[in-house]
């Protein structure tokens, strides 16, 4: 998200109205709710974590204990427990 000059984007009348409230300040205008994307929607991050969590559960079922899983996946034992519980 980069800076956009409102002079290039907004009608003069709207810009003048905004200047009554926020002259000389930087503001963020959020997207409408219907245009927002869910976490991980633009990348493969959601898929990566889903696959990793399934593999953690498989490793657990195959006999790895929490300490081994924690070391293998660089997570705390509490995180491993939470993932296993969610995968059941």
C-alpha atoms as a PDB file:
ATOM      1  CA  UNK A   1       0.000   0.000   0.000  1.00  0.00           C
ATOM      2  CA  UNK A   2       1.650   3.173  -1.142  1.00  0.00           C
ATOM      3  CA  UNK A   3       0.919   6.820  -0.677  1.00  0.00           C
ATOM      4  CA  UNK A   4      -1.495   8.264  -3.225  1.00  0.00           C
ATOM      5  CA  UNK A   5      -1.836  11.997  -3.738  1.00  0.00           C
ATOM      6  CA  UNK A   6      -5.507  12.882  -3.211  1.00  0.00           C
ATOM      7  CA  UNK A   7      -5.189  15.745  -5.717  1.00  0.00           C
ATOM      8  CA  UNK A   8      -4.850  13.048  -8.391  1.00  0.00           C
ATOM      9  CA  UNK A   9      -7.645  10.859  -6.993  1.00  0.00           C
ATOM     10  CA  UNK A  10     -10.450  12.964  -5.563  1.00  0.00           C
ATOM     11  CA  UNK A  11     -12.766  15.590  -6.992  1.00  0.00           C
ATOM     12  CA  UNK A  12     -11.808  19.114  -5.929  1.00  0.00           C
ATOM     13  CA  UNK A  13     -15.005  19.561  -3.895  1.00  0.00           C
ATOM     14  CA  UNK A  14     -14.438  16.371  -1.894  1.00  0.00           C
ATOM     15  CA  UNK A  15     -10.797  17.272  -1.266  1.00  0.00           C
ATOM     16  CA  UNK A  16     -11.853  20.685   0.067  1.00  0.00           C
ATOM     17  CA  UNK A  17     -14.387  19.022   2.388  1.00  0.00           C
ATOM     18  CA  UNK A  18     -11.737  16.609   3.719  1.00  0.00           C
ATOM     19  CA  UNK A  19      -9.366  19.515   4.317  1.00  0.00           C
ATOM     20  CA  UNK A  20     -11.905  20.891   6.805  1.00  0.00           C
ATOM     21  CA  UNK A  21     -11.239  17.816   9.006  1.00  0.00           C
ATOM     22  CA  UNK A  22      -7.731  16.531   8.292  1.00  0.00           C
ATOM     23  CA  UNK A  23      -5.717  19.222   6.566  1.00  0.00           C
ATOM     24  CA  UNK A  24      -2.034  18.275   6.289  1.00  0.00           C
ATOM     25  CA  UNK A  25      -2.500  14.834   7.888  1.00  0.00           C
ATOM     26  CA  UNK A  26      -2.116  11.349   6.494  1.00  0.00           C
ATOM     27  CA  UNK A  27      -5.257   9.253   6.796  1.00  0.00           C
ATOM     28  CA  UNK A  28      -6.142   5.662   5.992  1.00  0.00           C
ATOM     29  CA  UNK A  29      -9.456   5.004   4.283  1.00  0.00           C
ATOM     30  CA  UNK A  30     -10.470   1.397   4.976  1.00  0.00           C
ATOM     31  CA  UNK A  31     -12.043  -0.867   2.395  1.00  0.00           C
ATOM     32  CA  UNK A  32     -15.751  -1.549   2.519  1.00  0.00           C
ATOM     33  CA  UNK A  33     -16.576  -4.742   4.414  1.00  0.00           C
ATOM     34  CA  UNK A  34     -17.693  -6.515   1.258  1.00  0.00           C
ATOM     35  CA  UNK A  35     -14.339  -5.792  -0.424  1.00  0.00           C
ATOM     36  CA  UNK A  36     -12.125  -7.064   2.393  1.00  0.00           C
ATOM     37  CA  UNK A  37     -10.206 -10.292   1.954  1.00  0.00           C
ATOM     38  CA  UNK A  38      -9.744 -12.945   4.587  1.00  0.00           C
ATOM     39  CA  UNK A  39      -6.373 -13.681   6.152  1.00  0.00           C
ATOM     40  CA  UNK A  40      -4.153 -15.690   3.793  1.00  0.00           C
ATOM     41  CA  UNK A  41      -6.408 -15.182   0.785  1.00  0.00           C
ATOM     42  CA  UNK A  42      -3.747 -13.484  -1.350  1.00  0.00           C
ATOM     43  CA  UNK A  43      -0.948 -15.954  -0.596  1.00  0.00           C
ATOM     44  CA  UNK A  44      -0.435 -19.658  -0.037  1.00  0.00           C
ATOM     45  CA  UNK A  45       0.148 -19.092   3.691  1.00  0.00           C
ATOM     46  CA  UNK A  46      -3.189 -20.594   4.714  1.00  0.00           C
ATOM     47  CA  UNK A  47      -2.493 -23.704   2.628  1.00  0.00           C
ATOM     48  CA  UNK A  48       1.059 -23.975   4.023  1.00  0.00           C
ATOM     49  CA  UNK A  49      -0.089 -23.941   7.657  1.00  0.00           C
ATOM     50  CA  UNK A  50      -2.949 -26.319   6.952  1.00  0.00           C
ATOM     51  CA  UNK A  51      -0.555 -28.810   5.353  1.00  0.00           C
ATOM     52  CA  UNK A  52       1.994 -28.400   8.154  1.00  0.00           C
ATOM     53  CA  UNK A  53      -0.649 -28.939  10.823  1.00  0.00           C
ATOM     54  CA  UNK A  54      -1.917 -32.116   9.131  1.00  0.00           C
ATOM     55  CA  UNK A  55       1.663 -33.418   9.029  1.00  0.00           C
ATOM     56  CA  UNK A  56       2.131 -32.631  12.725  1.00  0.00           C
ATOM     57  CA  UNK A  57      -0.960 -34.693  13.485  1.00  0.00           C
ATOM     58  CA  UNK A  58       0.270 -37.582  11.292  1.00  0.00           C
ATOM     59  CA  UNK A  59       3.663 -37.501  13.034  1.00  0.00           C
ATOM     60  CA  UNK A  60       1.895 -37.522  16.405  1.00  0.00           C
ATOM     61  CA  UNK A  61      -0.219 -40.516  15.389  1.00  0.00           C
ATOM     62  CA  UNK A  62       2.964 -42.274  14.273  1.00  0.00           C
ATOM     63  CA  UNK A  63       4.434 -42.003  17.752  1.00  0.00           C
ATOM     64  CA  UNK A  64       6.369 -38.735  17.945  1.00  0.00           C
ATOM     65  CA  UNK A  65       5.995 -37.076  21.342  1.00  0.00           C
ATOM     66  CA  UNK A  66       5.391 -33.382  22.000  1.00  0.00           C
ATOM     67  CA  UNK A  67       9.073 -32.651  22.592  1.00  0.00           C
ATOM     68  CA  UNK A  68      10.115 -34.212  19.293  1.00  0.00           C
ATOM     69  CA  UNK A  69       7.365 -32.414  17.395  1.00  0.00           C
ATOM     70  CA  UNK A  70       8.285 -29.153  19.068  1.00  0.00           C
ATOM     71  CA  UNK A  71      11.900 -29.474  17.929  1.00  0.00           C
ATOM     72  CA  UNK A  72      11.017 -30.639  14.426  1.00  0.00           C
ATOM     73  CA  UNK A  73       8.547 -27.833  13.725  1.00  0.00           C
ATOM     74  CA  UNK A  74      10.137 -25.088  15.855  1.00  0.00           C
ATOM     75  CA  UNK A  75       6.959 -24.605  17.898  1.00  0.00           C
ATOM     76  CA  UNK A  76       6.244 -24.701  21.609  1.00  0.00           C
ATOM     77  CA  UNK A  77       4.755 -27.864  23.054  1.00  0.00           C
ATOM     78  CA  UNK A  78       1.620 -25.859  23.884  1.00  0.00           C
ATOM     79  CA  UNK A  79       1.260 -24.902  20.199  1.00  0.00           C
ATOM     80  CA  UNK A  80       1.735 -28.537  19.176  1.00  0.00           C
ATOM     81  CA  UNK A  81      -0.972 -29.583  21.664  1.00  0.00           C
ATOM     82  CA  UNK A  82      -3.359 -26.977  20.238  1.00  0.00           C
ATOM     83  CA  UNK A  83      -2.709 -28.132  16.668  1.00  0.00           C
ATOM     84  CA  UNK A  84      -3.233 -31.796  17.563  1.00  0.00           C
ATOM     85  CA  UNK A  85      -6.487 -30.943  19.325  1.00  0.00           C
ATOM     86  CA  UNK A  86      -7.711 -28.981  16.272  1.00  0.00           C
ATOM     87  CA  UNK A  87      -6.781 -31.797  13.875  1.00  0.00           C
ATOM     88  CA  UNK A  88      -8.715 -34.483  15.762  1.00  0.00           C
END
